[in-house]
């Protein structure tokens, strides 16, 4: 894959960034090198490799969902209105 100056300018414009021409000259070979590595990875045959979210098996451990009502007094003192451990806000129609 080739990555040109115009491609870099396009990405900079899409990201709403301001980049000096010196930095553009520094970034361009770095991005080209990264994309070259990506091209070499794309050459591997991965048809028999199952999709995975992580590199190793992860067992999900969940805790019991327990409601603990402990009012944070800092919140209560900063709240315009506080009732029964909750903020009181105006109704929205």
C-alpha atoms as a PDB file:
ATOM      1  CA  UNK A   1       0.000   0.000   0.000  1.00  0.00           C
ATOM      2  CA  UNK A   2       1.310   3.412  -0.854  1.00  0.00           C
ATOM      3  CA  UNK A   3       0.702   6.370   1.404  1.00  0.00           C
ATOM      4  CA  UNK A   4       1.405   9.732  -0.162  1.00  0.00           C
ATOM      5  CA  UNK A   5       1.622  13.351   0.911  1.00  0.00           C
ATOM      6  CA  UNK A   6      -1.914  13.913  -0.322  1.00  0.00           C
ATOM      7  CA  UNK A   7      -3.167  10.996   1.817  1.00  0.00           C
ATOM      8  CA  UNK A   8      -1.484  12.512   4.864  1.00  0.00           C
ATOM      9  CA  UNK A   9      -2.951  15.935   4.089  1.00  0.00           C
ATOM     10  CA  UNK A  10      -6.388  14.352   3.726  1.00  0.00           C
ATOM     11  CA  UNK A  11      -6.155  12.621   7.124  1.00  0.00           C
ATOM     12  CA  UNK A  12      -4.882  15.802   8.781  1.00  0.00           C
ATOM     13  CA  UNK A  13      -7.813  17.716   7.291  1.00  0.00           C
ATOM     14  CA  UNK A  14     -10.314  15.040   8.440  1.00  0.00           C
ATOM     15  CA  UNK A  15      -8.894  15.146  11.967  1.00  0.00           C
ATOM     16  CA  UNK A  16      -9.073  18.957  12.007  1.00  0.00           C
ATOM     17  CA  UNK A  17      -5.394  19.177  12.939  1.00  0.00           C
ATOM     18  CA  UNK A  18      -2.799  21.791  12.188  1.00  0.00           C
ATOM     19  CA  UNK A  19       0.544  20.155  11.378  1.00  0.00           C
ATOM     20  CA  UNK A  20       3.733  21.917  10.286  1.00  0.00           C
ATOM     21  CA  UNK A  21       5.368  20.811   7.060  1.00  0.00           C
ATOM     22  CA  UNK A  22       8.401  19.672   9.090  1.00  0.00           C
ATOM     23  CA  UNK A  23       6.216  17.310  11.127  1.00  0.00           C
ATOM     24  CA  UNK A  24       4.516  16.070   7.961  1.00  0.00           C
ATOM     25  CA  UNK A  25       7.917  15.133   6.569  1.00  0.00           C
ATOM     26  CA  UNK A  26       8.712  13.341   9.823  1.00  0.00           C
ATOM     27  CA  UNK A  27       5.355  11.509  10.030  1.00  0.00           C
ATOM     28  CA  UNK A  28       5.113  10.355   6.415  1.00  0.00           C
ATOM     29  CA  UNK A  29       7.929   7.752   6.507  1.00  0.00           C
ATOM     30  CA  UNK A  30       6.749   6.556   9.920  1.00  0.00           C
ATOM     31  CA  UNK A  31       3.212   5.990   8.652  1.00  0.00           C
ATOM     32  CA  UNK A  32       4.543   4.323   5.501  1.00  0.00           C
ATOM     33  CA  UNK A  33       6.613   1.968   7.662  1.00  0.00           C
ATOM     34  CA  UNK A  34       3.610   1.076   9.840  1.00  0.00           C
ATOM     35  CA  UNK A  35       1.471   0.396   6.772  1.00  0.00           C
ATOM     36  CA  UNK A  36       4.287  -1.731   5.332  1.00  0.00           C
ATOM     37  CA  UNK A  37       4.186  -3.893   8.453  1.00  0.00           C
ATOM     38  CA  UNK A  38       0.406  -4.153   8.125  1.00  0.00           C
ATOM     39  CA  UNK A  39       0.807  -5.326   4.515  1.00  0.00           C
ATOM     40  CA  UNK A  40       3.203  -8.060   5.638  1.00  0.00           C
ATOM     41  CA  UNK A  41       0.697  -9.205   8.279  1.00  0.00           C
ATOM     42  CA  UNK A  42      -2.060  -9.321   5.653  1.00  0.00           C
ATOM     43  CA  UNK A  43      -0.070 -11.964   3.754  1.00  0.00           C
ATOM     44  CA  UNK A  44      -0.705 -14.602   6.459  1.00  0.00           C
ATOM     45  CA  UNK A  45      -3.426 -17.164   5.817  1.00  0.00           C
ATOM     46  CA  UNK A  46      -5.767 -16.823   8.783  1.00  0.00           C
ATOM     47  CA  UNK A  47      -8.751 -18.772   7.458  1.00  0.00           C
ATOM     48  CA  UNK A  48      -8.499 -21.488  10.147  1.00  0.00           C
ATOM     49  CA  UNK A  49      -7.777 -19.104  13.017  1.00  0.00           C
ATOM     50  CA  UNK A  50     -10.848 -18.428  15.163  1.00  0.00           C
ATOM     51  CA  UNK A  51     -11.721 -14.862  15.991  1.00  0.00           C
ATOM     52  CA  UNK A  52     -10.815 -13.823  19.508  1.00  0.00           C
ATOM     53  CA  UNK A  53     -11.162 -10.702  21.599  1.00  0.00           C
ATOM     54  CA  UNK A  54      -8.033 -11.480  23.616  1.00  0.00           C
ATOM     55  CA  UNK A  55      -4.816 -13.382  23.077  1.00  0.00           C
ATOM     56  CA  UNK A  56      -5.637 -15.821  25.878  1.00  0.00           C
ATOM     57  CA  UNK A  57      -8.760 -17.244  27.468  1.00  0.00           C
ATOM     58  CA  UNK A  58     -10.388 -14.965  30.006  1.00  0.00           C
ATOM     59  CA  UNK A  59     -12.931 -16.199  32.504  1.00  0.00           C
ATOM     60  CA  UNK A  60     -15.416 -13.550  33.523  1.00  0.00           C
ATOM     61  CA  UNK A  61     -15.878 -13.304  37.259  1.00  0.00           C
ATOM     62  CA  UNK A  62     -18.817 -11.231  38.358  1.00  0.00           C
ATOM     63  CA  UNK A  63     -19.681 -10.058  41.818  1.00  0.00           C
ATOM     64  CA  UNK A  64     -23.170  -9.980  43.278  1.00  0.00           C
ATOM     65  CA  UNK A  65     -25.079  -6.819  42.501  1.00  0.00           C
ATOM     66  CA  UNK A  66     -25.719  -5.323  45.920  1.00  0.00           C
ATOM     67  CA  UNK A  67     -27.221  -1.902  46.458  1.00  0.00           C
ATOM     68  CA  UNK A  68     -25.481  -0.068  49.253  1.00  0.00           C
ATOM     69  CA  UNK A  69     -26.946   3.261  50.190  1.00  0.00           C
ATOM     70  CA  UNK A  70     -24.268   5.359  51.776  1.00  0.00           C
ATOM     71  CA  UNK A  71     -24.883   9.005  51.066  1.00  0.00           C
ATOM     72  CA  UNK A  72     -21.841  10.951  50.127  1.00  0.00           C
ATOM     73  CA  UNK A  73     -22.176  13.989  52.329  1.00  0.00           C
ATOM     74  CA  UNK A  74     -20.008  16.033  49.977  1.00  0.00           C
ATOM     75  CA  UNK A  75     -22.614  15.507  47.264  1.00  0.00           C
ATOM     76  CA  UNK A  76     -25.461  16.307  49.617  1.00  0.00           C
ATOM     77  CA  UNK A  77     -23.921  19.592  50.684  1.00  0.00           C
ATOM     78  CA  UNK A  78     -23.269  20.642  47.065  1.00  0.00           C
ATOM     79  CA  UNK A  79     -26.683  19.590  45.774  1.00  0.00           C
ATOM     80  CA  UNK A  80     -29.324  22.291  45.317  1.00  0.00           C
ATOM     81  CA  UNK A  81     -31.908  19.789  46.559  1.00  0.00           C
ATOM     82  CA  UNK A  82     -31.277  16.417  48.195  1.00  0.00           C
ATOM     83  CA  UNK A  83     -33.883  13.884  49.357  1.00  0.00           C
ATOM     84  CA  UNK A  84     -33.626  10.235  50.405  1.00  0.00           C
ATOM     85  CA  UNK A  85     -29.995   9.863  49.262  1.00  0.00           C
ATOM     86  CA  UNK A  86     -30.719  11.265  45.795  1.00  0.00           C
ATOM     87  CA  UNK A  87     -30.609  14.525  43.889  1.00  0.00           C
ATOM     88  CA  UNK A  88     -33.965  16.196  43.374  1.00  0.00           C
ATOM     89  CA  UNK A  89     -34.204  17.648  39.878  1.00  0.00           C
ATOM     90  CA  UNK A  90     -37.015  19.425  38.051  1.00  0.00           C
ATOM     91  CA  UNK A  91     -39.372  17.266  36.012  1.00  0.00           C
ATOM     92  CA  UNK A  92     -38.798  17.329  32.250  1.00  0.00           C
ATOM     93  CA  UNK A  93     -41.895  17.202  30.039  1.00  0.00           C
END
